[in-house]
Amino acid sequence: MSLKSINTEEEESPQEKITFIDKINFSFPIGMMEILIGQKEYTVKALVDTAAELNIIPENESIEVGLHMRTFYIKLRGIGGHSTAIVGLAENTPIILPSGDERRIHFLVARGAVHTFVGRPFLADN
């Protein structure tokens, strides 16, 4: 992240200073919700993130739930520049929302310490 500062008037006037921030990204998760996932109806707290362009579930949770996944391996770069290993895709995963509504969504399966979250694909369908 880099900061650039300018003064709108005199150099000695700190109250008039404006700071611009370059190369910074923001994500605004709007909350958590409990969803039931899979045939076993395993309860998961999922982060609802309006900026996320995909749905993610940790590999250990996908195994515990018994999700069937198509295996592949890619590195996904996060908003902060970190990388997360994606090890597969669990397609048409049955979930039950807090309202009792049943849906099917796709989850990318991530290896490592990540939270389950749902993003725009989930929000667009619900």
C-alpha atoms as a PDB file:
ATOM      1  CA  MET A   1       0.000   0.000   0.000  1.00  0.00           C
ATOM      2  CA  SER A   2       1.354   3.428  -0.796  1.00  0.00           C
ATOM      3  CA  LEU A   3       0.211   6.774   0.498  1.00  0.00           C
ATOM      4  CA  LYS A   4       0.378  10.037  -1.387  1.00  0.00           C
ATOM      5  CA  SER A   5      -0.296  13.321   0.347  1.00  0.00           C
ATOM      6  CA  ILE A   6      -1.039  16.745  -0.991  1.00  0.00           C
ATOM      7  CA  ASN A   7      -1.946  19.999   0.640  1.00  0.00           C
ATOM      8  CA  THR A   8      -4.805  21.947  -0.810  1.00  0.00           C
ATOM      9  CA  GLU A   9      -3.337  25.300   0.158  1.00  0.00           C
ATOM     10  CA  GLU A  10      -0.166  26.092   2.039  1.00  0.00           C
ATOM     11  CA  GLU A  11       2.377  23.451   3.019  1.00  0.00           C
ATOM     12  CA  GLU A  12       2.055  24.505   6.696  1.00  0.00           C
ATOM     13  CA  SER A  13      -1.695  23.822   6.899  1.00  0.00           C
ATOM     14  CA  PRO A  14      -2.074  20.205   8.179  1.00  0.00           C
ATOM     15  CA  GLN A  15      -5.863  20.438   8.511  1.00  0.00           C
ATOM     16  CA  GLU A  16      -6.082  20.909   4.726  1.00  0.00           C
ATOM     17  CA  LYS A  17      -4.011  17.818   3.977  1.00  0.00           C
ATOM     18  CA  ILE A  18      -5.684  15.153   1.811  1.00  0.00           C
ATOM     19  CA  THR A  19      -4.313  11.622   1.702  1.00  0.00           C
ATOM     20  CA  PHE A  20      -4.850   9.300  -1.262  1.00  0.00           C
ATOM     21  CA  ILE A  21      -4.405   5.557  -0.837  1.00  0.00           C
ATOM     22  CA  ASP A  22      -3.248   3.579  -3.876  1.00  0.00           C
ATOM     23  CA  LYS A  23      -3.628  -0.160  -4.408  1.00  0.00           C
ATOM     24  CA  ILE A  24      -5.898  -1.013  -1.534  1.00  0.00           C
ATOM     25  CA  ASN A  25      -8.895  -3.321  -1.741  1.00  0.00           C
ATOM     26  CA  PHE A  26     -11.855  -3.641   0.561  1.00  0.00           C
ATOM     27  CA  SER A  27     -14.286  -6.458   1.198  1.00  0.00           C
ATOM     28  CA  PHE A  28     -17.357  -5.991   3.342  1.00  0.00           C
ATOM     29  CA  PRO A  29     -18.665  -9.236   4.803  1.00  0.00           C
ATOM     30  CA  ILE A  30     -22.212  -8.604   5.932  1.00  0.00           C
ATOM     31  CA  GLY A  31     -22.583 -11.342   8.501  1.00  0.00           C
ATOM     32  CA  MET A  32     -22.618 -14.987   9.388  1.00  0.00           C
ATOM     33  CA  MET A  33     -25.405 -17.503   8.970  1.00  0.00           C
ATOM     34  CA  GLU A  34     -25.779 -21.119   9.929  1.00  0.00           C
ATOM     35  CA  ILE A  35     -26.493 -23.408   7.007  1.00  0.00           C
ATOM     36  CA  LEU A  36     -26.979 -27.149   6.861  1.00  0.00           C
ATOM     37  CA  ILE A  37     -24.734 -28.725   4.224  1.00  0.00           C
ATOM     38  CA  GLY A  38     -24.884 -32.071   2.480  1.00  0.00           C
ATOM     39  CA  GLN A  39     -26.940 -35.194   2.958  1.00  0.00           C
ATOM     40  CA  LYS A  40     -25.815 -35.412   6.607  1.00  0.00           C
ATOM     41  CA  GLU A  41     -27.080 -31.857   7.201  1.00  0.00           C
ATOM     42  CA  TYR A  42     -23.853 -30.793   8.858  1.00  0.00           C
ATOM     43  CA  THR A  43     -24.233 -27.339  10.463  1.00  0.00           C
ATOM     44  CA  VAL A  44     -21.706 -24.746   9.292  1.00  0.00           C
ATOM     45  CA  LYS A  45     -21.354 -21.057  10.091  1.00  0.00           C
ATOM     46  CA  ALA A  46     -20.849 -19.401   6.732  1.00  0.00           C
ATOM     47  CA  LEU A  47     -19.623 -15.872   6.183  1.00  0.00           C
ATOM     48  CA  VAL A  48     -21.790 -13.925   3.729  1.00  0.00           C
ATOM     49  CA  ASP A  49     -19.468 -11.753   1.621  1.00  0.00           C
ATOM     50  CA  THR A  50     -21.021  -9.476  -1.004  1.00  0.00           C
ATOM     51  CA  ALA A  51     -17.658  -8.905  -2.700  1.00  0.00           C
ATOM     52  CA  ALA A  52     -16.637 -12.568  -3.052  1.00  0.00           C
ATOM     53  CA  GLU A  53     -17.007 -13.982  -6.532  1.00  0.00           C
ATOM     54  CA  LEU A  54     -17.208 -17.599  -5.381  1.00  0.00           C
ATOM     55  CA  ASN A  55     -18.286 -19.899  -2.571  1.00  0.00           C
ATOM     56  CA  ILE A  56     -15.594 -21.684  -0.566  1.00  0.00           C
ATOM     57  CA  ILE A  57     -15.593 -24.523   1.951  1.00  0.00           C
ATOM     58  CA  PRO A  58     -12.483 -25.871   3.738  1.00  0.00           C
ATOM     59  CA  GLU A  59     -11.310 -29.310   2.646  1.00  0.00           C
ATOM     60  CA  ASN A  60     -11.641 -30.783   6.155  1.00  0.00           C
ATOM     61  CA  GLU A  61     -15.297 -29.678   6.372  1.00  0.00           C
ATOM     62  CA  SER A  62     -16.060 -31.039   2.903  1.00  0.00           C
ATOM     63  CA  ILE A  63     -14.637 -34.424   3.970  1.00  0.00           C
ATOM     64  CA  GLU A  64     -16.554 -34.401   7.264  1.00  0.00           C
ATOM     65  CA  VAL A  65     -19.796 -33.562   5.449  1.00  0.00           C
ATOM     66  CA  GLY A  66     -19.104 -36.233   2.840  1.00  0.00           C
ATOM     67  CA  LEU A  67     -19.260 -33.960  -0.195  1.00  0.00           C
ATOM     68  CA  HIS A  68     -18.419 -35.461  -3.562  1.00  0.00           C
ATOM     69  CA  MET A  69     -15.921 -33.307  -5.372  1.00  0.00           C
ATOM     70  CA  ARG A  70     -14.263 -33.139  -8.730  1.00  0.00           C
ATOM     71  CA  THR A  71     -10.548 -32.999  -7.930  1.00  0.00           C
ATOM     72  CA  PHE A  72      -8.178 -30.453  -9.454  1.00  0.00           C
ATOM     73  CA  TYR A  73      -5.490 -28.150  -8.111  1.00  0.00           C
ATOM     74  CA  ILE A  74      -5.059 -24.407  -8.546  1.00  0.00           C
ATOM     75  CA  LYS A  75      -3.676 -21.550  -6.492  1.00  0.00           C
ATOM     76  CA  LEU A  76      -6.201 -18.826  -5.784  1.00  0.00           C
ATOM     77  CA  ARG A  77      -4.849 -15.379  -4.994  1.00  0.00           C
ATOM     78  CA  GLY A  78      -6.794 -13.579  -2.272  1.00  0.00           C
ATOM     79  CA  ILE A  79      -7.664  -9.936  -1.911  1.00  0.00           C
ATOM     80  CA  GLY A  80      -4.615  -9.387   0.310  1.00  0.00           C
ATOM     81  CA  GLY A  81      -2.220 -11.049  -2.134  1.00  0.00           C
ATOM     82  CA  HIS A  82      -1.972 -14.375  -0.258  1.00  0.00           C
ATOM     83  CA  SER A  83      -2.453 -17.705  -2.033  1.00  0.00           C
ATOM     84  CA  THR A  84      -4.838 -20.493  -1.098  1.00  0.00           C
ATOM     85  CA  ALA A  85      -4.726 -23.985  -2.587  1.00  0.00           C
ATOM     86  CA  ILE A  86      -7.997 -24.997  -4.230  1.00  0.00           C
ATOM     87  CA  VAL A  87      -8.179 -28.790  -4.434  1.00  0.00           C
ATOM     88  CA  GLY A  88     -11.553 -29.358  -6.027  1.00  0.00           C
ATOM     89  CA  LEU A  89     -15.131 -28.392  -6.751  1.00  0.00           C
ATOM     90  CA  ALA A  90     -18.188 -29.713  -4.915  1.00  0.00           C
ATOM     91  CA  GLU A  91     -20.984 -29.183  -7.425  1.00  0.00           C
ATOM     92  CA  ASN A  92     -24.701 -28.976  -6.659  1.00  0.00           C
ATOM     93  CA  THR A  93     -24.138 -29.219  -2.919  1.00  0.00           C
ATOM     94  CA  PRO A  94     -27.469 -29.352  -1.080  1.00  0.00           C
ATOM     95  CA  ILE A  95     -27.835 -26.719   1.638  1.00  0.00           C
ATOM     96  CA  ILE A  96     -30.674 -25.657   3.901  1.00  0.00           C
ATOM     97  CA  LEU A  97     -30.890 -21.969   4.810  1.00  0.00           C
ATOM     98  CA  PRO A  98     -31.983 -20.633   8.230  1.00  0.00           C
ATOM     99  CA  SER A  99     -35.405 -19.937   6.666  1.00  0.00           C
ATOM    100  CA  GLY A 100     -35.757 -23.656   5.888  1.00  0.00           C
ATOM    101  CA  ASP A 101     -35.410 -23.113   2.128  1.00  0.00           C
ATOM    102  CA  GLU A 102     -33.390 -25.751   0.305  1.00  0.00           C
ATOM    103  CA  ARG A 103     -30.851 -24.767  -2.360  1.00  0.00           C
ATOM    104  CA  ARG A 104     -28.009 -26.316  -4.326  1.00  0.00           C
ATOM    105  CA  ILE A 105     -24.767 -24.391  -4.731  1.00  0.00           C
ATOM    106  CA  HIS A 106     -21.224 -24.996  -5.957  1.00  0.00           C
ATOM    107  CA  PHE A 107     -18.331 -24.767  -3.478  1.00  0.00           C
ATOM    108  CA  LEU A 108     -14.659 -24.519  -4.313  1.00  0.00           C
ATOM    109  CA  VAL A 109     -12.830 -26.737  -1.811  1.00  0.00           C
ATOM    110  CA  ALA A 110      -9.850 -25.001  -0.185  1.00  0.00           C
ATOM    111  CA  ARG A 111      -6.930 -26.598   1.644  1.00  0.00           C
ATOM    112  CA  GLY A 112      -5.760 -24.878   4.805  1.00  0.00           C
ATOM    113  CA  ALA A 113      -7.143 -22.504   7.389  1.00  0.00           C
ATOM    114  CA  VAL A 114     -10.062 -20.814   5.645  1.00  0.00           C
ATOM    115  CA  HIS A 115     -13.659 -20.121   6.615  1.00  0.00           C
ATOM    116  CA  THR A 116     -16.692 -21.325   4.753  1.00  0.00           C
ATOM    117  CA  PHE A 117     -18.159 -18.394   2.910  1.00  0.00           C
ATOM    118  CA  VAL A 118     -20.756 -17.672   0.314  1.00  0.00           C
ATOM    119  CA  GLY A 119     -20.453 -14.841  -2.164  1.00  0.00           C
ATOM    120  CA  ARG A 120     -22.129 -13.365  -5.205  1.00  0.00           C
ATOM    121  CA  PRO A 121     -23.042 -16.678  -6.889  1.00  0.00           C
ATOM    122  CA  PHE A 122     -25.025 -17.666  -3.790  1.00  0.00           C
ATOM    123  CA  LEU A 123     -26.561 -14.217  -3.358  1.00  0.00           C
ATOM    124  CA  ALA A 124     -27.616 -14.003  -7.017  1.00  0.00           C
ATOM    125  CA  ASP A 125     -29.554 -17.259  -6.719  1.00  0.00           C
ATOM    126  CA  ASN A 126     -31.229 -16.474  -3.402  1.00  0.00           C
END
